[in-house]
């Protein structure tokens, strides 16, 4: 169980470090909130729902925001 928590925290750390925060903070509130949620959780499905986008559309936004997909 501890390894799972460590992996989750490592993924969060990597996403936070690599994200383009200037770009993210320039977005409309809904998209900004969705990307911040994704950075913190890695849950692309819920983040896409927050943004009001399909998973594919949100994934394109994630790439533009330079947020890595860490599994």
Protein backbone atom coordinates (compact mmCIF):
# COMPACT_ATOMS: atom_id res chain seq x y z
CA UNK A 1 0.00 0.00 0.00
CA UNK A 2 2.82 2.39 0.83
CA UNK A 3 4.31 1.90 -2.65
CA UNK A 4 1.01 2.94 -4.23
CA UNK A 5 0.92 6.14 -2.16
CA UNK A 6 4.54 6.89 -3.05
CA UNK A 7 3.86 6.35 -6.76
CA UNK A 8 0.80 8.64 -6.60
CA UNK A 9 2.80 11.36 -4.85
CA UNK A 10 5.68 10.99 -7.33
CA UNK A 11 3.25 11.38 -10.24
CA UNK A 12 1.81 14.52 -8.67
CA UNK A 13 5.30 15.93 -8.11
CA UNK A 14 6.31 15.32 -11.73
CA UNK A 15 3.09 16.82 -13.11
CA UNK A 16 3.47 19.91 -10.90
CA UNK A 17 7.12 20.38 -11.84
CA UNK A 18 6.71 20.06 -15.61
CA UNK A 19 3.40 21.91 -16.04
CA UNK A 20 3.42 25.24 -17.87
CA UNK A 21 1.80 27.26 -15.08
CA UNK A 22 1.89 30.51 -17.05
CA UNK A 23 -0.22 28.88 -19.78
CA UNK A 24 -2.53 27.17 -17.27
CA UNK A 25 -3.15 30.39 -15.34
CA UNK A 26 -3.98 32.23 -18.58
CA UNK A 27 -6.91 29.90 -19.33
CA UNK A 28 -10.59 30.48 -18.55
CA UNK A 29 -11.56 29.35 -15.02
CA UNK A 30 -13.20 26.06 -16.06
CA UNK A 31 -10.19 24.88 -18.08
CA UNK A 32 -7.75 26.13 -15.45
CA UNK A 33 -9.62 24.25 -12.70
CA UNK A 34 -9.70 21.07 -14.80
CA UNK A 35 -5.96 21.17 -15.46
CA UNK A 36 -5.21 21.86 -11.80
CA UNK A 37 -7.41 18.90 -10.85
CA UNK A 38 -5.54 16.72 -13.34
CA UNK A 39 -2.15 17.84 -12.03
CA UNK A 40 -3.19 16.94 -8.48
CA UNK A 41 -4.94 13.62 -9.20
CA UNK A 42 -3.93 12.35 -12.64
CA UNK A 43 -7.60 11.53 -13.33
CA UNK A 44 -8.10 12.52 -16.96
CA UNK A 45 -11.73 11.39 -17.09
CA UNK A 46 -12.94 13.60 -14.22
CA UNK A 47 -10.72 16.47 -15.38
CA UNK A 48 -12.27 16.29 -18.86
CA UNK A 49 -15.76 16.44 -17.31
CA UNK A 50 -14.78 19.51 -15.27
CA UNK A 51 -13.51 21.16 -18.46
CA UNK A 52 -16.61 20.19 -20.43
CA UNK A 53 -14.43 18.45 -23.03
CA UNK A 54 -14.09 14.94 -24.35
CA UNK A 55 -11.16 12.96 -22.99
CA UNK A 56 -9.37 13.38 -26.33
CA UNK A 57 -9.94 17.15 -26.35
CA UNK A 58 -8.75 17.42 -22.75
CA UNK A 59 -5.69 15.34 -23.57
CA UNK A 60 -4.80 17.84 -26.31
CA UNK A 61 -5.15 20.67 -23.77
CA UNK A 62 -2.98 18.72 -21.31
CA UNK A 63 -0.28 18.42 -23.96
CA UNK A 64 -0.43 22.16 -24.74
CA UNK A 65 -0.07 22.82 -21.01
CA UNK A 66 3.00 20.54 -20.94
CA UNK A 67 1.54 18.39 -18.18
CA UNK A 68 3.05 14.91 -18.50
CA UNK A 69 0.90 11.81 -18.39
CA UNK A 70 2.46 9.91 -15.49
CA UNK A 71 1.18 6.43 -14.70
